[in-house]
Amino acid sequence: MGIGKDGYYTSKDILAYEATYNIVYGERGPGKSFDIKRLALTEAYKTGEMRIGLIRRYRDDITTELVTKYFIERDVNLIEMITKKEYTFIDWYRGYLWFARMENNKIIRGTKCGEVFALSIANKRYKSTGHPGIKYIVFEEVLTSDYYLPDEPKKLMQLVSTIARKDSSVK
């Protein structure tokens, strides 16, 4: 992943390698997360298909509030930018990510754009299930000073295999 002219990361360089796994480390703030969210959500909006598979380590890390906050950017409303203000946020509902907006204090969901997975329960919950359309799998905060799951790398590889199946275009 290279730093663009504006001082932020872009996914263009890293995706050119066509690697099975792309692991990007760096300080907080230069846009690593932003650019992959922008890429996946733009494709989801344009195609009307799910594109992003968001992995969290624990089931407790998957709540409507936490997932919605993940897609909130400090300086720009990414969802409004991508959808030309048709939608204003990403909502997590029944395991899926949706483009959404508020109308009369009611959430209006549009296109389904992704799915959220808990690595801690992956073998029990997702094994032998289909996840068509997902092209970008994101597992953030891989490095932690807290607790890792037993056999976490193995569980991650198995979950990625479940999501991607034999689709080599999944990144």
N, C-alpha and C. Protein backbone atom coordinates (compact mmCIF):
# COMPACT_ATOMS: atom_id res chain seq x y z
N MET A 1 0.85 -1.17 0.00
CA MET A 1 0.00 0.00 0.00
C MET A 1 0.90 1.22 0.00
N GLY A 2 0.66 2.10 -0.88
CA GLY A 2 1.51 3.26 -0.98
C GLY A 2 0.82 4.52 -0.49
N ILE A 3 1.64 5.46 -0.09
CA ILE A 3 1.15 6.76 0.34
C ILE A 3 0.90 7.59 -0.92
N GLY A 4 -0.30 8.11 -1.06
CA GLY A 4 -0.66 8.92 -2.22
C GLY A 4 -0.16 10.35 -2.08
N LYS A 5 -0.44 11.16 -3.07
CA LYS A 5 0.00 12.56 -3.09
C LYS A 5 -0.57 13.36 -1.93
N ASP A 6 -1.72 12.96 -1.43
CA ASP A 6 -2.36 13.69 -0.32
C ASP A 6 -1.85 13.26 1.05
N GLY A 7 -0.89 12.32 1.10
CA GLY A 7 -0.33 11.87 2.36
C GLY A 7 -1.07 10.71 2.99
N TYR A 8 -2.04 10.13 2.28
CA TYR A 8 -2.82 9.01 2.79
C TYR A 8 -2.56 7.76 1.96
N TYR A 9 -2.80 6.61 2.59
CA TYR A 9 -2.62 5.34 1.90
C TYR A 9 -3.67 5.15 0.81
N THR A 10 -3.29 4.38 -0.21
CA THR A 10 -4.25 3.94 -1.22
C THR A 10 -4.10 2.43 -1.37
N SER A 11 -5.16 1.77 -1.73
CA SER A 11 -5.12 0.31 -1.88
C SER A 11 -4.60 -0.11 -3.25
N LYS A 12 -4.48 0.81 -4.16
CA LYS A 12 -4.09 0.48 -5.53
C LYS A 12 -2.78 -0.31 -5.59
N ASP A 13 -1.77 0.14 -4.87
CA ASP A 13 -0.47 -0.52 -4.93
C ASP A 13 -0.49 -1.93 -4.35
N ILE A 14 -1.12 -2.10 -3.19
CA ILE A 14 -1.10 -3.41 -2.55
C ILE A 14 -1.93 -4.42 -3.35
N LEU A 15 -3.04 -4.02 -3.92
CA LEU A 15 -3.87 -4.95 -4.68
C LEU A 15 -3.21 -5.37 -5.98
N ALA A 16 -2.26 -4.59 -6.45
CA ALA A 16 -1.55 -4.94 -7.68
C ALA A 16 -0.71 -6.22 -7.51
N TYR A 17 -0.35 -6.56 -6.27
CA TYR A 17 0.43 -7.77 -6.03
C TYR A 17 -0.38 -9.05 -6.20
N GLU A 18 -1.70 -8.96 -6.11
CA GLU A 18 -2.58 -10.11 -6.22
C GLU A 18 -2.19 -11.22 -5.25
N ALA A 19 -1.84 -10.83 -4.03
CA ALA A 19 -1.46 -11.78 -2.99
C ALA A 19 -2.70 -12.44 -2.39
N THR A 20 -2.52 -13.62 -1.81
CA THR A 20 -3.62 -14.30 -1.15
C THR A 20 -4.05 -13.52 0.09
N TYR A 21 -3.10 -13.04 0.87
CA TYR A 21 -3.37 -12.23 2.05
C TYR A 21 -2.55 -10.95 1.94
N ASN A 22 -3.18 -9.85 2.24
CA ASN A 22 -2.49 -8.56 2.30
C ASN A 22 -2.53 -8.09 3.74
N ILE A 23 -1.38 -8.00 4.36
CA ILE A 23 -1.31 -7.57 5.75
C ILE A 23 -0.62 -6.21 5.76
N VAL A 24 -1.34 -5.21 6.25
CA VAL A 24 -0.83 -3.85 6.22
C VAL A 24 -0.71 -3.35 7.65
N TYR A 25 0.49 -2.97 8.02
CA TYR A 25 0.75 -2.42 9.35
C TYR A 25 1.13 -0.96 9.19
N GLY A 26 0.82 -0.18 10.18
CA GLY A 26 1.23 1.21 10.16
C GLY A 26 0.58 1.97 11.29
N GLU A 27 1.02 3.19 11.44
CA GLU A 27 0.48 4.03 12.50
C GLU A 27 -0.99 4.33 12.25
N ARG A 28 -1.64 4.82 13.29
CA ARG A 28 -3.04 5.19 13.14
C ARG A 28 -3.14 6.53 12.43
N GLY A 29 -4.08 6.61 11.50
CA GLY A 29 -4.35 7.89 10.88
C GLY A 29 -4.06 8.07 9.41
N PRO A 30 -3.14 7.32 8.79
CA PRO A 30 -2.84 7.61 7.39
C PRO A 30 -3.77 6.96 6.36
N GLY A 31 -4.90 6.38 6.79
CA GLY A 31 -5.92 5.98 5.84
C GLY A 31 -5.96 4.53 5.41
N LYS A 32 -5.30 3.63 6.12
CA LYS A 32 -5.33 2.21 5.73
C LYS A 32 -6.77 1.68 5.72
N SER A 33 -7.49 1.90 6.79
CA SER A 33 -8.87 1.43 6.89
C SER A 33 -9.78 2.19 5.94
N PHE A 34 -9.62 3.48 5.88
CA PHE A 34 -10.48 4.32 5.06
C PHE A 34 -10.48 3.86 3.61
N ASP A 35 -9.32 3.61 3.05
CA ASP A 35 -9.26 3.30 1.63
C ASP A 35 -9.90 1.96 1.29
N ILE A 36 -9.74 0.96 2.13
CA ILE A 36 -10.36 -0.33 1.82
C ILE A 36 -11.87 -0.24 2.00
N LYS A 37 -12.33 0.52 3.00
CA LYS A 37 -13.77 0.74 3.16
C LYS A 37 -14.32 1.48 1.95
N ARG A 38 -13.62 2.51 1.51
CA ARG A 38 -14.05 3.28 0.34
C ARG A 38 -14.17 2.38 -0.88
N LEU A 39 -13.15 1.58 -1.12
CA LEU A 39 -13.12 0.68 -2.27
C LEU A 39 -14.27 -0.32 -2.23
N ALA A 40 -14.41 -1.03 -1.11
CA ALA A 40 -15.43 -2.08 -1.00
C ALA A 40 -16.84 -1.51 -1.03
N LEU A 41 -17.07 -0.42 -0.33
CA LEU A 41 -18.42 0.15 -0.29
C LEU A 41 -18.80 0.80 -1.61
N THR A 42 -17.83 1.38 -2.30
CA THR A 42 -18.11 1.95 -3.62
C THR A 42 -18.54 0.85 -4.58
N GLU A 43 -17.82 -0.26 -4.57
CA GLU A 43 -18.19 -1.39 -5.43
C GLU A 43 -19.57 -1.94 -5.04
N ALA A 44 -19.83 -2.04 -3.75
CA ALA A 44 -21.12 -2.56 -3.29
C ALA A 44 -22.26 -1.65 -3.75
N TYR A 45 -22.06 -0.37 -3.65
CA TYR A 45 -23.11 0.57 -4.06
C TYR A 45 -23.33 0.52 -5.57
N LYS A 46 -22.24 0.48 -6.32
CA LYS A 46 -22.37 0.47 -7.79
C LYS A 46 -22.97 -0.82 -8.32
N THR A 47 -22.61 -1.95 -7.71
CA THR A 47 -23.07 -3.25 -8.21
C THR A 47 -24.37 -3.72 -7.57
N GLY A 48 -24.68 -3.15 -6.39
CA GLY A 48 -25.85 -3.63 -5.66
C GLY A 48 -25.63 -4.98 -5.00
N GLU A 49 -24.35 -5.36 -4.85
CA GLU A 49 -24.01 -6.66 -4.26
C GLU A 49 -23.15 -6.47 -3.01
N MET A 50 -23.21 -7.47 -2.14
CA MET A 50 -22.35 -7.44 -0.96
C MET A 50 -20.90 -7.50 -1.40
N ARG A 51 -20.05 -6.73 -0.76
CA ARG A 51 -18.64 -6.73 -1.13
C ARG A 51 -17.70 -6.88 0.06
N ILE A 52 -18.12 -6.51 1.25
CA ILE A 52 -17.18 -6.50 2.37
C ILE A 52 -17.56 -7.54 3.42
N GLY A 53 -16.56 -8.29 3.84
CA GLY A 53 -16.69 -9.23 4.95
C GLY A 53 -15.86 -8.67 6.09
N LEU A 54 -16.51 -8.18 7.11
CA LEU A 54 -15.84 -7.57 8.25
C LEU A 54 -15.71 -8.59 9.37
N ILE A 55 -14.49 -8.87 9.77
CA ILE A 55 -14.24 -9.86 10.82
C ILE A 55 -13.89 -9.13 12.11
N ARG A 56 -14.51 -9.56 13.17
CA ARG A 56 -14.17 -9.11 14.51
C ARG A 56 -13.74 -10.33 15.31
N ARG A 57 -12.87 -10.13 16.27
CA ARG A 57 -12.34 -11.25 17.05
C ARG A 57 -13.42 -11.92 17.89
N TYR A 58 -14.20 -11.13 18.62
CA TYR A 58 -15.18 -11.68 19.55
C TYR A 58 -16.60 -11.27 19.16
N ARG A 59 -17.56 -12.09 19.51
CA ARG A 59 -18.97 -11.78 19.27
C ARG A 59 -19.37 -10.49 19.96
N ASP A 60 -18.80 -10.23 21.14
CA ASP A 60 -19.12 -9.00 21.88
C ASP A 60 -18.67 -7.74 21.14
N ASP A 61 -17.77 -7.88 20.18
CA ASP A 61 -17.31 -6.74 19.39
C ASP A 61 -18.27 -6.41 18.25
N ILE A 62 -19.33 -7.19 18.13
CA ILE A 62 -20.29 -6.97 17.04
C ILE A 62 -21.61 -6.52 17.65
N THR A 63 -21.78 -5.22 17.69
CA THR A 63 -23.05 -4.62 18.10
C THR A 63 -23.38 -3.56 17.05
N THR A 64 -24.64 -3.18 17.01
CA THR A 64 -25.04 -2.15 16.05
C THR A 64 -24.20 -0.89 16.23
N GLU A 65 -24.02 -0.48 17.47
CA GLU A 65 -23.25 0.73 17.75
C GLU A 65 -21.81 0.62 17.28
N LEU A 66 -21.13 -0.46 17.64
CA LEU A 66 -19.72 -0.61 17.29
C LEU A 66 -19.51 -0.77 15.79
N VAL A 67 -20.37 -1.52 15.14
CA VAL A 67 -20.22 -1.71 13.70
C VAL A 67 -20.53 -0.42 12.95
N THR A 68 -21.58 0.28 13.36
CA THR A 68 -21.90 1.56 12.72
C THR A 68 -20.76 2.55 12.90
N LYS A 69 -20.19 2.61 14.09
CA LYS A 69 -19.07 3.53 14.36
C LYS A 69 -17.85 3.21 13.51
N TYR A 70 -17.65 1.95 13.18
CA TYR A 70 -16.49 1.57 12.36
C TYR A 70 -16.52 2.29 11.02
N PHE A 71 -17.70 2.56 10.51
CA PHE A 71 -17.82 3.19 9.20
C PHE A 71 -17.94 4.71 9.27
N ILE A 72 -17.80 5.29 10.45
CA ILE A 72 -17.84 6.74 10.60
C ILE A 72 -16.41 7.28 10.52
N GLU A 73 -16.21 8.22 9.64
CA GLU A 73 -14.89 8.84 9.47
C GLU A 73 -14.90 10.22 10.10
N ARG A 74 -13.74 10.65 10.53
CA ARG A 74 -13.63 11.92 11.24
C ARG A 74 -13.92 13.14 10.36
N ASP A 75 -13.35 13.18 9.19
CA ASP A 75 -13.39 14.40 8.38
C ASP A 75 -14.38 14.38 7.22
N VAL A 76 -14.95 13.22 6.91
CA VAL A 76 -15.83 13.13 5.75
C VAL A 76 -16.87 12.04 6.01
N ASN A 77 -18.09 12.27 5.54
CA ASN A 77 -19.08 11.19 5.62
C ASN A 77 -18.90 10.33 4.38
N LEU A 78 -18.16 9.25 4.56
CA LEU A 78 -17.83 8.35 3.46
C LEU A 78 -19.08 7.81 2.77
N ILE A 79 -20.10 7.48 3.54
CA ILE A 79 -21.31 6.89 2.97
C ILE A 79 -22.06 7.91 2.12
N GLU A 80 -22.17 9.14 2.61
CA GLU A 80 -22.79 10.19 1.81
C GLU A 80 -22.00 10.46 0.54
N MET A 81 -20.69 10.43 0.65
CA MET A 81 -19.83 10.67 -0.50
C MET A 81 -20.04 9.58 -1.57
N ILE A 82 -20.06 8.34 -1.15
CA ILE A 82 -20.20 7.22 -2.08
C ILE A 82 -21.59 7.20 -2.72
N THR A 83 -22.62 7.45 -1.92
CA THR A 83 -24.01 7.32 -2.39
C THR A 83 -24.61 8.65 -2.85
N LYS A 84 -23.81 9.69 -2.89
CA LYS A 84 -24.30 11.02 -3.26
C LYS A 84 -25.49 11.43 -2.39
N LYS A 85 -25.33 11.16 -1.09
CA LYS A 85 -26.28 11.51 -0.03
C LYS A 85 -27.59 10.72 -0.04
N GLU A 86 -27.64 9.65 -0.82
CA GLU A 86 -28.83 8.78 -0.77
C GLU A 86 -28.90 8.08 0.59
N TYR A 87 -27.72 7.70 1.11
CA TYR A 87 -27.62 7.07 2.42
C TYR A 87 -26.60 7.83 3.25
N THR A 88 -26.73 7.72 4.59
CA THR A 88 -25.86 8.50 5.46
C THR A 88 -25.01 7.66 6.42
N PHE A 89 -25.32 6.37 6.54
CA PHE A 89 -24.53 5.53 7.44
C PHE A 89 -24.68 4.06 7.03
N ILE A 90 -23.86 3.23 7.65
CA ILE A 90 -23.96 1.78 7.47
C ILE A 90 -24.62 1.22 8.72
N ASP A 91 -25.64 0.40 8.53
CA ASP A 91 -26.36 -0.21 9.64
C ASP A 91 -26.05 -1.70 9.65
N TRP A 92 -25.88 -2.26 10.83
CA TRP A 92 -25.70 -3.70 10.99
C TRP A 92 -27.03 -4.25 11.48
N TYR A 93 -27.60 -5.17 10.70
CA TYR A 93 -28.90 -5.72 11.01
C TYR A 93 -28.94 -7.18 10.58
N ARG A 94 -29.24 -8.06 11.53
CA ARG A 94 -29.33 -9.50 11.28
C ARG A 94 -28.10 -10.08 10.59
N GLY A 95 -26.94 -9.60 11.02
CA GLY A 95 -25.68 -10.16 10.53
C GLY A 95 -25.12 -9.50 9.29
N TYR A 96 -25.89 -8.60 8.70
CA TYR A 96 -25.47 -7.97 7.44
C TYR A 96 -25.26 -6.48 7.59
N LEU A 97 -24.48 -5.94 6.70
CA LEU A 97 -24.25 -4.49 6.61
C LEU A 97 -25.17 -3.94 5.53
N TRP A 98 -25.78 -2.81 5.82
CA TRP A 98 -26.73 -2.19 4.90
C TRP A 98 -26.42 -0.70 4.75
N PHE A 99 -26.53 -0.17 3.55
CA PHE A 99 -26.56 1.27 3.38
C PHE A 99 -27.88 1.73 4.01
N ALA A 100 -27.84 2.81 4.79
CA ALA A 100 -29.05 3.22 5.50
C ALA A 100 -29.11 4.74 5.67
N ARG A 101 -30.31 5.20 6.01
CA ARG A 101 -30.55 6.60 6.34
C ARG A 101 -31.70 6.66 7.34
N MET A 102 -31.83 7.78 8.00
CA MET A 102 -32.94 7.98 8.94
C MET A 102 -34.02 8.80 8.27
N GLU A 103 -35.26 8.38 8.43
CA GLU A 103 -36.42 9.14 7.98
C GLU A 103 -37.49 9.05 9.06
N ASN A 104 -37.89 10.21 9.58
CA ASN A 104 -38.92 10.26 10.63
C ASN A 104 -38.60 9.32 11.79
N ASN A 105 -37.35 9.38 12.24
CA ASN A 105 -36.87 8.54 13.35
C ASN A 105 -36.94 7.05 13.07
N LYS A 106 -36.94 6.69 11.82
CA LYS A 106 -36.96 5.27 11.43
C LYS A 106 -35.77 5.01 10.50
N ILE A 107 -35.12 3.86 10.71
CA ILE A 107 -34.01 3.48 9.84
C ILE A 107 -34.57 2.91 8.54
N ILE A 108 -34.13 3.49 7.44
CA ILE A 108 -34.49 2.99 6.12
C ILE A 108 -33.25 2.32 5.55
N ARG A 109 -33.33 1.01 5.34
CA ARG A 109 -32.21 0.26 4.81
C ARG A 109 -32.35 0.12 3.30
N GLY A 110 -31.23 0.27 2.62
CA GLY A 110 -31.21 0.12 1.17
C GLY A 110 -30.53 -1.18 0.79
N THR A 111 -29.45 -1.05 0.06
CA THR A 111 -28.71 -2.20 -0.45
C THR A 111 -27.89 -2.87 0.65
N LYS A 112 -27.91 -4.19 0.66
CA LYS A 112 -27.05 -4.98 1.54
C LYS A 112 -25.64 -4.89 0.96
N CYS A 113 -24.66 -4.50 1.78
CA CYS A 113 -23.31 -4.28 1.24
C CYS A 113 -22.24 -5.16 1.86
N GLY A 114 -22.59 -5.95 2.87
CA GLY A 114 -21.58 -6.80 3.47
C GLY A 114 -22.12 -7.67 4.59
N GLU A 115 -21.20 -8.35 5.23
CA GLU A 115 -21.54 -9.28 6.28
C GLU A 115 -20.49 -9.17 7.38
N VAL A 116 -20.89 -9.40 8.62
CA VAL A 116 -19.97 -9.31 9.75
C VAL A 116 -19.83 -10.70 10.37
N PHE A 117 -18.58 -11.04 10.70
CA PHE A 117 -18.26 -12.36 11.23
C PHE A 117 -17.51 -12.24 12.56
N ALA A 118 -17.81 -13.11 13.50
CA ALA A 118 -17.07 -13.18 14.76
C ALA A 118 -16.12 -14.38 14.68
N LEU A 119 -14.85 -14.11 14.74
CA LEU A 119 -13.85 -15.18 14.61
C LEU A 119 -13.98 -16.20 15.73
N SER A 120 -14.37 -15.76 16.92
CA SER A 120 -14.45 -16.67 18.07
C SER A 120 -15.50 -17.76 17.90
N ILE A 121 -16.49 -17.55 17.04
CA ILE A 121 -17.54 -18.55 16.84
C ILE A 121 -17.60 -19.04 15.40
N ALA A 122 -16.58 -18.72 14.64
CA ALA A 122 -16.60 -18.99 13.20
C ALA A 122 -16.83 -20.45 12.86
N ASN A 123 -16.16 -21.36 13.55
CA ASN A 123 -16.27 -22.78 13.21
C ASN A 123 -17.68 -23.31 13.47
N LYS A 124 -18.36 -22.77 14.46
CA LYS A 124 -19.72 -23.22 14.78
C LYS A 124 -20.77 -22.54 13.93
N ARG A 125 -20.57 -21.29 13.61
CA ARG A 125 -21.62 -20.49 12.99
C ARG A 125 -21.58 -20.45 11.46
N TYR A 126 -20.39 -20.35 10.89
CA TYR A 126 -20.30 -20.04 9.46
C TYR A 126 -19.86 -21.20 8.58
N LYS A 127 -19.32 -22.25 9.19
CA LYS A 127 -18.81 -23.37 8.41
C LYS A 127 -19.91 -23.93 7.51
N SER A 128 -19.55 -24.23 6.27
CA SER A 128 -20.45 -24.79 5.27
C SER A 128 -21.60 -23.85 4.89
N THR A 129 -21.36 -22.55 5.02
CA THR A 129 -22.37 -21.58 4.58
C THR A 129 -21.79 -20.76 3.44
N GLY A 130 -22.65 -20.26 2.58
CA GLY A 130 -22.22 -19.48 1.43
C GLY A 130 -22.19 -17.99 1.72
N HIS A 131 -21.24 -17.32 1.11
CA HIS A 131 -21.10 -15.88 1.28
C HIS A 131 -20.75 -15.25 -0.07
N PRO A 132 -21.62 -15.43 -1.05
CA PRO A 132 -21.32 -14.95 -2.41
C PRO A 132 -21.25 -13.43 -2.47
N GLY A 133 -20.41 -12.95 -3.35
CA GLY A 133 -20.30 -11.52 -3.58
C GLY A 133 -19.22 -10.84 -2.77
N ILE A 134 -18.83 -11.41 -1.63
CA ILE A 134 -17.82 -10.76 -0.81
C ILE A 134 -16.48 -10.79 -1.56
N LYS A 135 -15.89 -9.64 -1.71
CA LYS A 135 -14.62 -9.51 -2.43
C LYS A 135 -13.49 -9.00 -1.55
N TYR A 136 -13.85 -8.37 -0.42
CA TYR A 136 -12.84 -7.81 0.47
C TYR A 136 -13.13 -8.27 1.89
N ILE A 137 -12.18 -8.97 2.48
CA ILE A 137 -12.30 -9.42 3.86
C ILE A 137 -11.37 -8.55 4.70
N VAL A 138 -11.94 -7.95 5.73
CA VAL A 138 -11.18 -7.03 6.56
C VAL A 138 -11.17 -7.53 8.00
N PHE A 139 -9.98 -7.72 8.53
CA PHE A 139 -9.80 -8.07 9.94
C PHE A 139 -8.86 -7.03 10.52
N GLU A 140 -9.42 -6.09 11.23
CA GLU A 140 -8.65 -4.98 11.77
C GLU A 140 -8.16 -5.29 13.18
N GLU A 141 -7.18 -4.54 13.59
CA GLU A 141 -6.65 -4.67 14.95
C GLU A 141 -6.21 -6.09 15.24
N VAL A 142 -5.49 -6.66 14.30
CA VAL A 142 -4.98 -8.01 14.46
C VAL A 142 -4.01 -8.07 15.64
N LEU A 143 -3.18 -7.05 15.74
CA LEU A 143 -2.24 -6.98 16.86
C LEU A 143 -2.94 -6.38 18.06
N THR A 144 -2.81 -7.03 19.20
CA THR A 144 -3.49 -6.55 20.40
C THR A 144 -2.60 -6.79 21.61
N SER A 145 -2.79 -5.97 22.62
CA SER A 145 -2.08 -6.20 23.87
C SER A 145 -2.96 -7.00 24.82
N ASP A 146 -4.16 -7.32 24.38
CA ASP A 146 -5.09 -8.08 25.20
C ASP A 146 -5.02 -9.56 24.85
N TYR A 147 -6.14 -10.17 24.61
CA TYR A 147 -6.20 -11.61 24.44
C TYR A 147 -6.40 -12.03 23.00
N TYR A 148 -5.64 -13.03 22.60
CA TYR A 148 -5.83 -13.67 21.30
C TYR A 148 -6.66 -14.93 21.53
N LEU A 149 -7.32 -15.38 20.50
CA LEU A 149 -8.06 -16.64 20.57
C LEU A 149 -7.07 -17.80 20.49
N PRO A 150 -7.39 -18.93 21.11
CA PRO A 150 -6.55 -20.11 20.92
C PRO A 150 -6.54 -20.47 19.42
N ASP A 151 -5.39 -20.76 18.87
CA ASP A 151 -5.24 -21.12 17.46
C ASP A 151 -5.81 -20.05 16.52
N GLU A 152 -5.65 -18.79 16.88
CA GLU A 152 -6.25 -17.70 16.10
C GLU A 152 -5.84 -17.68 14.63
N PRO A 153 -4.56 -17.83 14.29
CA PRO A 153 -4.22 -17.83 12.85
C PRO A 153 -4.93 -18.94 12.07
N LYS A 154 -5.03 -20.11 12.66
CA LYS A 154 -5.72 -21.22 12.01
C LYS A 154 -7.20 -20.90 11.83
N LYS A 155 -7.83 -20.36 12.88
CA LYS A 155 -9.25 -20.00 12.80
C LYS A 155 -9.48 -18.94 11.73
N LEU A 156 -8.58 -17.98 11.65
CA LEU A 156 -8.70 -16.92 10.64
C LEU A 156 -8.59 -17.50 9.24
N MET A 157 -7.62 -18.37 9.02
CA MET A 157 -7.46 -18.97 7.69
C MET A 157 -8.67 -19.82 7.32
N GLN A 158 -9.24 -20.54 8.28
CA GLN A 158 -10.42 -21.35 8.02
C GLN A 158 -11.63 -20.47 7.68
N LEU A 159 -11.78 -19.36 8.40
CA LEU A 159 -12.90 -18.46 8.12
C LEU A 159 -12.74 -17.81 6.75
N VAL A 160 -11.54 -17.37 6.43
CA VAL A 160 -11.30 -16.78 5.11
C VAL A 160 -11.61 -17.81 4.03
N SER A 161 -11.21 -19.05 4.25
CA SER A 161 -11.49 -20.12 3.29
C SER A 161 -13.00 -20.34 3.14
N THR A 162 -13.73 -20.29 4.24
CA THR A 162 -15.18 -20.44 4.20
C THR A 162 -15.83 -19.32 3.40
N ILE A 163 -15.39 -18.09 3.63
CA ILE A 163 -15.97 -16.94 2.93
C ILE A 163 -15.62 -16.97 1.45
N ALA A 164 -14.34 -17.16 1.16
CA ALA A 164 -13.87 -17.05 -0.23
C ALA A 164 -14.13 -18.31 -1.04
N ARG A 165 -14.21 -19.44 -0.39
CA ARG A 165 -14.26 -20.73 -1.08
C ARG A 165 -13.07 -20.80 -2.03
N LYS A 166 -13.30 -21.00 -3.28
CA LYS A 166 -12.18 -21.08 -4.23
C LYS A 166 -12.13 -19.87 -5.13
N ASP A 167 -12.71 -18.77 -4.67
CA ASP A 167 -12.75 -17.53 -5.45
C ASP A 167 -11.46 -16.75 -5.22
N SER A 168 -10.56 -16.82 -6.16
CA SER A 168 -9.25 -16.17 -6.00
C SER A 168 -9.34 -14.66 -6.11
N SER A 169 -10.50 -14.11 -6.46
CA SER A 169 -10.61 -12.65 -6.55
C SER A 169 -10.88 -12.00 -5.20
N VAL A 170 -11.15 -12.81 -4.17
CA VAL A 170 -11.38 -12.26 -2.82
C VAL A 170 -10.05 -11.79 -2.26
N LYS A 171 -10.04 -10.58 -1.75
CA LYS A 171 -8.82 -9.98 -1.19
C LYS A 171 -8.96 -9.79 0.29
